[in-house]
Amino acid sequence: MSKILSQIKHANNAIAVLIDPEKTDNGPRLIATLENASTASIDFIFIGGSTVSSQAFQKTCEFIKKHSAIPLVIFPGSSQQISEKADGLLYLSLLSGRNPDYLIGHHIDSATELAEMDLEIIPTGYLLIDGGTRSSVAYVSQTTPIPRNNISIAKRTAIAGKLQGKQVLFLDAGSGAKHAVPTDMIHAIKDLGIPLIIGGGIQTVAQIKEIHSAGANIVVIGNKIEADVDFLLEIKEYRNEGMKE
């Protein structure tokens, strides 16, 4: 089994920090984020954004690898967001939408280049869940999120992804979401026995704990840390408490 995929499958109460190259300075603030992430024993750094350019993406990947030993995983918003500097790439298919560009189009655009890279590719089913606002992903992909109260649609979509051979499922309420993915939806999909990554709308350690308890292998924190890098210190306390239990 590939290294990053193995780490995801065996992850227990793991946390990833999402870095959007459009929202960082590739300087002191990002260095502080990476240092705090290391202190907090963060398991993964995810990198990606809905509209980031290829050049900005490459520069930030290089910067992160220079200043951090935490595994770097690409969470791509387009076919241009690829780099051999990373350790792995979540090969996302937006299963919750019906836009062919995000189901297979971007994959075709990047396929030849990716096949020639020494980069671990992880087939990932991506489900956008309504988080109470129209997210950047919904706007750029021109797709409608799955209603947060419709567990049946979410689970059937997840089953379809598993049957297609997706190795990981990523449920995302979107950047700037008012509400995180509901824990009862996470519970229902966890029963499928496929690793779950949950992101979007997570603002407190209590939410992280609830989502982990519901069955998430990895919880992704993005906007909260962009607004308050010291939140990583709270996460450190949470991780330390978990080690004592």
Protein backbone atom coordinates (compact mmCIF):
# COMPACT_ATOMS: atom_id res chain seq x y z
CA MET A 1 0.00 0.00 0.00
CA SER A 2 1.24 3.48 -0.82
CA LYS A 3 2.61 5.53 2.07
CA ILE A 4 0.15 8.46 2.27
CA LEU A 5 -2.88 6.27 1.61
CA SER A 6 -1.72 3.91 4.34
CA GLN A 7 -1.36 6.83 6.74
CA ILE A 8 -4.89 8.01 5.91
CA LYS A 9 -6.39 4.54 6.33
CA HIS A 10 -4.72 4.06 9.69
CA ALA A 11 -5.32 7.64 10.87
CA ASN A 12 -7.05 7.88 14.22
CA ASN A 13 -8.32 11.32 15.26
CA ALA A 14 -5.94 12.91 12.76
CA ILE A 15 -5.93 16.61 11.87
CA ALA A 16 -4.88 18.35 8.65
CA VAL A 17 -4.21 22.05 8.17
CA LEU A 18 -5.34 23.43 4.81
CA ILE A 19 -3.12 26.07 3.21
CA ASP A 20 -4.57 28.15 0.35
CA PRO A 21 -1.67 29.73 -1.60
CA GLU A 22 -3.88 32.72 -2.45
CA LYS A 23 -4.29 33.53 1.23
CA THR A 24 -0.70 33.20 2.41
CA ASP A 25 2.45 35.30 2.21
CA ASN A 26 5.12 32.59 1.78
CA GLY A 27 6.86 34.43 4.60
CA PRO A 28 6.81 34.89 8.38
CA ARG A 29 3.09 34.22 8.85
CA LEU A 30 3.21 30.91 6.97
CA ILE A 31 6.39 29.92 8.80
CA ALA A 32 4.60 30.61 12.12
CA THR A 33 1.67 28.47 10.97
CA LEU A 34 3.97 25.60 10.03
CA GLU A 35 5.90 25.85 13.30
CA ASN A 36 2.69 25.85 15.33
CA ALA A 37 1.39 22.94 13.26
CA SER A 38 4.51 20.95 14.11
CA THR A 39 4.18 21.82 17.81
CA ALA A 40 0.52 20.72 17.71
CA SER A 41 1.51 17.37 16.10
CA ILE A 42 -0.61 18.05 13.03
CA ASP A 43 -0.68 14.94 10.84
CA PHE A 44 -0.96 16.45 7.35
CA ILE A 45 -0.65 19.73 5.53
CA PHE A 46 -3.19 19.99 2.70
CA ILE A 47 -2.59 22.55 -0.04
CA GLY A 48 -5.09 23.85 -2.59
CA GLY A 49 -7.66 26.48 -3.48
CA SER A 50 -10.53 27.09 -5.83
CA THR A 51 -8.82 29.68 -8.04
CA VAL A 52 -5.09 29.64 -7.25
CA SER A 53 -2.67 29.95 -10.19
CA SER A 54 -0.14 27.26 -11.12
CA GLN A 55 2.82 29.56 -10.36
CA ALA A 56 1.55 30.54 -6.90
CA PHE A 57 0.76 26.91 -6.16
CA GLN A 58 4.26 25.72 -7.06
CA LYS A 59 5.95 28.45 -5.00
CA THR A 60 3.90 27.66 -1.90
CA CYS A 61 4.53 23.91 -2.24
CA GLU A 62 8.27 24.56 -2.39
CA PHE A 63 8.09 26.92 0.58
CA ILE A 64 6.16 24.44 2.73
CA LYS A 65 8.51 21.56 1.97
CA LYS A 66 11.47 23.77 2.83
CA HIS A 67 10.07 24.74 6.22
CA SER A 68 8.08 21.68 7.33
CA ALA A 69 8.53 17.91 7.66
CA ILE A 70 4.77 17.26 7.92
CA PRO A 71 3.45 15.21 4.96
CA LEU A 72 2.20 17.58 2.23
CA VAL A 73 -0.93 16.45 0.36
CA ILE A 74 -2.44 18.29 -2.60
CA PHE A 75 -6.16 19.07 -2.33
CA PRO A 76 -6.51 20.36 -5.90
CA GLY A 77 -9.02 22.91 -7.15
CA SER A 78 -8.01 22.42 -10.78
CA SER A 79 -5.74 20.42 -13.10
CA GLN A 80 -3.02 23.08 -12.71
CA GLN A 81 -2.59 22.42 -8.99
CA ILE A 82 -0.04 19.62 -9.15
CA SER A 83 3.56 19.46 -7.97
CA GLU A 84 6.24 16.81 -7.43
CA LYS A 85 7.25 18.73 -4.32
CA ALA A 86 4.23 17.26 -2.52
CA ASP A 87 4.06 13.77 -1.02
CA GLY A 88 0.62 12.88 -2.37
CA LEU A 89 -2.42 14.13 -4.25
CA LEU A 90 -6.09 13.56 -3.50
CA TYR A 91 -7.36 12.75 -7.01
CA LEU A 92 -10.76 14.33 -6.44
CA SER A 93 -13.94 13.47 -8.33
CA LEU A 94 -16.77 15.83 -7.34
CA LEU A 95 -19.42 13.11 -7.00
CA SER A 96 -22.04 15.38 -5.44
CA GLY A 97 -22.27 17.49 -8.63
CA ARG A 98 -22.99 16.80 -12.27
CA ASN A 99 -20.33 19.00 -13.85
CA PRO A 100 -18.24 16.73 -16.12
CA ASP A 101 -15.18 18.98 -15.76
CA TYR A 102 -14.96 18.09 -12.06
CA LEU A 103 -15.99 14.47 -12.51
CA ILE A 104 -13.35 13.65 -15.16
CA GLY A 105 -12.39 16.72 -17.24
CA HIS A 106 -9.60 18.09 -15.02
CA HIS A 107 -8.30 14.55 -14.59
CA ILE A 108 -7.86 14.14 -18.34
CA ASP A 109 -6.14 17.54 -18.59
CA SER A 110 -3.55 16.55 -15.98
CA ALA A 111 -3.29 12.79 -16.65
CA THR A 112 -0.17 12.72 -18.83
CA GLU A 113 1.78 15.03 -16.55
CA LEU A 114 0.72 13.19 -13.40
CA ALA A 115 1.60 9.80 -14.87
CA GLU A 116 5.18 11.01 -15.34
CA MET A 117 5.51 12.39 -11.81
CA ASP A 118 6.87 10.63 -8.75
CA LEU A 119 3.73 11.56 -6.80
CA GLU A 120 1.35 9.30 -4.89
CA ILE A 121 -2.13 9.57 -6.45
CA ILE A 122 -5.08 8.74 -4.18
CA PRO A 123 -8.50 8.27 -5.89
CA THR A 124 -10.88 10.31 -3.74
CA GLY A 125 -14.64 10.76 -3.86
CA TYR A 126 -15.45 14.40 -3.04
CA LEU A 127 -18.88 15.28 -1.66
CA LEU A 128 -19.84 18.90 -1.16
CA ILE A 129 -22.36 19.26 1.68
CA ASP A 130 -24.49 22.36 2.25
CA GLY A 131 -22.80 24.45 4.94
CA GLY A 132 -25.25 27.36 5.03
CA THR A 133 -23.39 29.56 2.54
CA ARG A 134 -22.51 29.31 -1.14
CA SER A 135 -18.91 28.15 -1.02
CA SER A 136 -16.14 28.92 -3.48
CA VAL A 137 -16.20 25.28 -4.60
CA ALA A 138 -19.92 25.44 -5.41
CA TYR A 139 -19.45 28.71 -7.30
CA VAL A 140 -16.41 27.66 -9.32
CA SER A 141 -17.69 24.15 -10.09
CA GLN A 142 -21.25 25.39 -10.73
CA THR A 143 -22.66 22.50 -8.71
CA THR A 144 -25.26 22.24 -5.96
CA PRO A 145 -24.21 20.81 -2.57
CA ILE A 146 -26.04 17.85 -1.05
CA PRO A 147 -28.63 19.13 1.48
CA ARG A 148 -27.26 18.72 5.00
CA ASN A 149 -30.46 17.02 6.18
CA ASN A 150 -30.53 14.45 3.37
CA ILE A 151 -28.38 11.61 4.66
CA SER A 152 -29.87 9.20 2.13
CA ILE A 153 -28.51 11.10 -0.89
CA ALA A 154 -25.13 11.55 0.76
CA LYS A 155 -24.85 7.86 1.61
CA ARG A 156 -25.94 6.67 -1.84
CA THR A 157 -23.41 9.04 -3.41
CA ALA A 158 -20.70 7.70 -1.08
CA ILE A 159 -21.63 4.10 -1.95
CA ALA A 160 -21.34 4.93 -5.65
CA GLY A 161 -17.89 6.34 -5.02
CA LYS A 162 -16.82 3.21 -3.16
CA LEU A 163 -18.12 0.98 -5.96
CA GLN A 164 -16.16 3.07 -8.46
CA GLY A 165 -13.02 2.24 -6.52
CA LYS A 166 -12.43 5.47 -4.62
CA GLN A 167 -9.98 4.82 -1.79
CA VAL A 168 -11.02 7.80 0.35
CA LEU A 169 -14.14 9.93 0.80
CA PHE A 170 -13.91 13.66 1.51
CA LEU A 171 -17.06 15.37 2.84
CA ASP A 172 -16.70 19.14 2.73
CA ALA A 173 -19.07 21.88 3.89
CA GLY A 174 -16.91 24.35 1.93
CA SER A 175 -14.71 27.31 2.73
CA GLY A 176 -16.35 29.76 5.12
CA ALA A 177 -19.26 27.44 5.90
CA LYS A 178 -21.60 28.43 8.74
CA HIS A 179 -22.20 24.77 9.60
CA ALA A 180 -19.90 21.76 9.56
CA VAL A 181 -20.87 18.41 8.04
CA PRO A 182 -23.54 16.91 10.35
CA THR A 183 -22.27 14.19 12.65
CA ASP A 184 -25.23 11.90 11.88
CA MET A 185 -24.23 12.00 8.20
CA ILE A 186 -20.66 11.10 9.14
CA HIS A 187 -21.93 8.20 11.29
CA ALA A 188 -24.00 6.84 8.40
CA ILE A 189 -21.20 7.00 5.84
CA LYS A 190 -18.55 5.65 8.23
CA ASP A 191 -20.45 2.34 8.11
CA LEU A 192 -19.17 1.88 4.53
CA GLY A 193 -15.71 1.09 5.86
CA ILE A 194 -13.84 3.64 3.76
CA PRO A 195 -11.58 6.35 5.25
CA LEU A 196 -13.33 9.68 5.83
CA ILE A 197 -11.89 13.18 5.60
CA ILE A 198 -14.18 15.95 6.90
CA GLY A 199 -13.72 19.69 6.34
CA GLY A 200 -15.49 23.03 6.26
CA GLY A 201 -17.10 25.16 8.95
CA ILE A 202 -15.07 23.78 11.85
CA GLN A 203 -14.35 26.55 14.35
CA THR A 204 -13.82 24.92 17.75
CA VAL A 205 -11.96 22.05 19.38
CA ALA A 206 -15.33 20.74 20.59
CA GLN A 207 -16.42 20.37 16.95
CA ILE A 208 -13.19 18.57 16.07
CA LYS A 209 -13.78 16.14 18.93
CA GLU A 210 -17.42 15.53 17.89
CA ILE A 211 -16.45 14.88 14.27
CA HIS A 212 -13.66 12.52 15.29
CA SER A 213 -16.10 10.67 17.56
CA ALA A 214 -18.57 10.40 14.67
CA GLY A 215 -16.00 8.47 12.65
CA ALA A 216 -13.76 10.90 10.76
CA ASN A 217 -10.22 9.67 10.14
CA ILE A 218 -9.04 13.21 9.40
CA VAL A 219 -10.53 16.61 10.25
CA VAL A 220 -9.38 19.51 8.06
CA ILE A 221 -9.01 23.03 9.46
CA GLY A 222 -8.58 25.95 7.08
CA ASN A 223 -10.33 29.30 7.51
CA LYS A 224 -10.16 29.21 11.30
CA ILE A 225 -6.36 29.04 11.27
CA GLU A 226 -6.13 31.71 8.56
CA ALA A 227 -8.03 34.02 10.93
CA ASP A 228 -6.41 32.83 14.16
CA VAL A 229 -3.11 30.96 13.92
CA ASP A 230 -3.12 30.54 17.71
CA PHE A 231 -6.01 28.09 17.31
CA LEU A 232 -3.26 25.55 16.67
CA LEU A 233 -2.26 25.94 20.33
CA GLU A 234 -5.76 24.88 21.35
CA ILE A 235 -5.45 21.90 19.04
CA LYS A 236 -2.15 21.04 20.74
CA GLU A 237 -3.94 20.89 24.10
CA TYR A 238 -6.63 18.65 22.57
CA ARG A 239 -3.98 16.30 21.16
CA ASN A 240 -2.17 16.20 24.49
CA GLU A 241 -5.40 15.36 26.32
CA GLY A 242 -6.04 12.53 23.86
CA MET A 243 -2.62 11.05 24.53
CA LYS A 244 -3.32 10.99 28.28
CA GLU A 245 -6.61 9.10 27.87
